[in-house]
Protein backbone atom coordinates (compact mmCIF):
# COMPACT_ATOMS: atom_id res chain seq x y z
CA MET A 1 30.62 -8.65 0.46
CA PHE A 2 27.94 -8.73 -2.30
CA ALA A 3 26.30 -11.76 -0.61
CA SER A 4 26.28 -9.87 2.63
CA VAL A 5 24.32 -6.97 0.97
CA LEU A 6 21.85 -9.47 -0.51
CA SER A 7 21.26 -11.18 2.83
CA TRP A 8 20.69 -7.81 4.61
CA ASN A 9 18.19 -6.84 1.90
CA ALA A 10 16.41 -10.15 2.23
CA LEU A 11 16.31 -9.65 6.02
CA ILE A 12 14.78 -6.21 5.58
CA VAL A 13 12.14 -7.39 3.08
CA GLY A 14 11.36 -10.50 5.15
CA SER A 15 10.98 -8.51 8.37
CA VAL A 16 8.69 -5.98 6.70
CA THR A 17 6.61 -8.82 5.25
CA VAL A 18 6.16 -10.43 8.66
CA VAL A 19 5.21 -7.12 10.34
CA ILE A 20 2.75 -6.41 7.52
CA GLY A 21 1.17 -9.87 7.94
CA ILE A 22 0.75 -9.35 11.68
CA ALA A 23 -0.62 -5.83 11.27
CA TRP A 24 -2.95 -6.87 8.43
CA SER A 25 -4.47 -9.65 10.47
CA SER A 26 -5.30 -7.24 13.32
CA ARG A 27 -5.90 -4.05 11.22
CA ALA A 28 -9.42 -3.38 12.65
CA GLU A 29 -8.04 -3.37 16.22
CA LEU A 30 -5.06 -1.28 15.26
CA ASN A 31 -7.26 1.23 13.58
CA LYS A 32 -9.51 1.58 16.63
CA LYS A 33 -6.48 2.15 18.87
CA LEU A 34 -5.02 4.66 16.45
CA LYS A 35 -8.33 6.57 16.34
CA LEU A 36 -8.43 6.68 20.12
CA ALA A 37 -4.77 7.80 20.41
CA MET A 38 -4.67 10.47 17.68
CA SER A 39 -7.06 13.17 16.50
CA GLU A 40 -8.05 13.46 12.86
CA SER A 41 -6.39 16.88 12.63
CA LEU A 42 -3.05 15.49 13.94
CA VAL A 43 -3.22 12.61 11.44
CA ASN A 44 -3.91 15.07 8.64
CA THR A 45 -1.06 17.32 9.75
CA LEU A 46 1.29 14.30 9.80
CA GLY A 47 -0.04 13.17 6.41
CA TYR A 48 0.48 16.55 4.77
CA THR A 49 3.93 16.91 6.35
CA GLY A 50 4.86 13.49 5.08
CA GLY A 51 3.56 14.29 1.65
CA PHE A 52 5.59 17.54 1.42
CA LEU A 53 8.69 15.79 2.71
CA GLN A 54 8.23 13.06 0.11
CA LEU A 55 7.78 15.64 -2.62
CA GLY A 56 10.82 17.52 -1.34
CA ALA A 57 12.95 14.43 -1.54
CA VAL A 58 11.86 13.72 -5.13
CA MET A 59 12.32 17.41 -6.14
CA ALA A 60 15.83 17.45 -4.57
CA VAL A 61 16.79 14.45 -6.69
CA SER A 62 15.22 15.86 -9.86
CA ARG A 63 16.97 19.21 -9.32
CA GLY A 64 20.30 17.54 -8.68
CA TYR A 65 20.64 18.55 -5.01
CA LEU A 66 20.65 14.94 -3.96
CA THR A 67 21.24 11.66 -5.78
CA ALA A 68 18.72 8.81 -5.84
CA LYS A 69 21.30 6.64 -3.97
CA SER A 70 22.01 9.16 -1.18
CA SER A 71 21.14 8.31 2.41
CA THR A 72 19.60 11.76 2.83
CA TYR A 73 17.12 11.12 0.03
CA HIS A 74 16.15 7.74 1.37
CA LEU A 75 15.78 9.04 4.90
CA MET A 76 13.57 11.99 3.75
CA SER A 77 11.49 9.66 1.64
CA LEU A 78 11.17 7.09 4.41
CA ILE A 79 9.97 9.70 6.91
CA GLY A 80 7.62 11.22 4.35
CA SER A 81 6.20 7.81 3.46
CA SER A 82 5.60 7.13 7.18
CA GLY A 83 3.38 10.18 7.46
CA LEU A 84 1.48 9.21 4.34
CA LEU A 85 1.13 5.65 5.56
CA LEU A 86 -0.28 6.77 8.88
CA ASN A 87 -2.80 8.99 7.14
CA ALA A 88 -3.84 6.29 4.64
CA PHE A 89 -4.22 3.66 7.37
CA TYR A 90 -6.26 6.02 9.57
CA PHE A 91 -8.76 6.66 6.80
CA GLY A 92 -8.79 3.08 5.49
CA ALA A 93 -7.22 3.80 2.15
CA ASN A 94 -5.81 0.31 1.64
CA PRO A 95 -4.25 0.83 -1.81
CA ALA A 96 -2.29 3.83 -0.44
CA VAL A 97 -1.30 1.80 2.59
CA VAL A 98 0.14 -0.97 0.36
CA ILE A 99 2.00 1.49 -1.91
CA ASN A 100 3.52 3.35 1.06
CA ILE A 101 4.64 0.12 2.66
CA ILE A 102 6.38 -0.91 -0.59
CA TRP A 103 7.93 2.59 -0.89
CA MET A 104 9.18 2.47 2.73
CA THR A 105 10.68 -0.98 2.13
CA MET A 106 12.53 0.33 -0.91
CA ASN A 107 13.84 3.20 1.19
CA LEU A 108 15.05 0.83 3.96
CA VAL A 109 16.87 -1.25 1.36
CA GLY A 110 18.20 1.97 -0.21
CA LEU A 111 19.47 3.15 3.15
CA ARG A 112 21.20 -0.20 3.74
CA GLU A 113 22.68 -0.21 0.24
CA GLY A 114 23.83 3.38 0.57
CA ILE A 115 25.78 2.49 3.66
CA SER A 116 27.19 -0.76 2.29
CA ASN A 117 27.78 0.39 -1.29
CA ALA A 118 30.52 2.72 -0.08
CA ASP A 119 32.30 -0.24 1.50
CA VAL A 120 31.81 -2.39 -1.62
CA TRP A 121 33.16 0.30 -3.94
CA ASN A 122 36.15 1.01 -1.69
CA THR A 123 37.01 -2.69 -1.59
CA LEU A 124 36.56 -3.08 -5.37
CA LEU A 125 38.56 0.03 -6.23
CA GLN A 126 41.38 -0.84 -3.85
CA GLY A 127 44.49 -1.89 -5.81
CA LEU A 128 43.24 -0.65 -9.19
CA PRO A 129 45.69 1.47 -11.08
CA THR A 130 45.11 5.23 -10.91
CA GLU A 131 46.14 7.91 -13.39
CA SER A 132 49.27 8.59 -11.46
CA SER A 133 50.29 4.92 -11.31
CA PRO A 134 53.12 4.00 -13.64
CA THR A 135 52.13 1.99 -16.72
CA PRO A 136 53.41 -1.53 -16.55
CA ILE A 137 55.98 -2.39 -19.19
CA PRO A 138 55.54 -5.81 -20.82
CA ALA A 139 58.47 -8.14 -20.30
């Protein structure tokens, strides 16, 4: 089960790396198409919305409304990072693009682990004695 989680995480990171490599090699063309397809005000709106969603996710964890391992947190953070990534790419802020790609990859892995960790823990905890289990008597 643990090896399965590692292989999924490696698949996610590898896939993101390939997509980044392809996108990076044609970033000028992608930027031109993006600027033709979207207005600056729409990109700013999506960027601000993403930023507020990202801050909301972090605030929810810091206030105890969500845990850092919850799927809700990772999904909010992933969507927020997507808006920030779009905005940074549109305006050519390469350091912010790289940071948001890394952040989004961590969220994808977190979403995958959040789903699989429940299965792992259920498997590990199965068969362990509980408080109501009788205490074994040595022979």
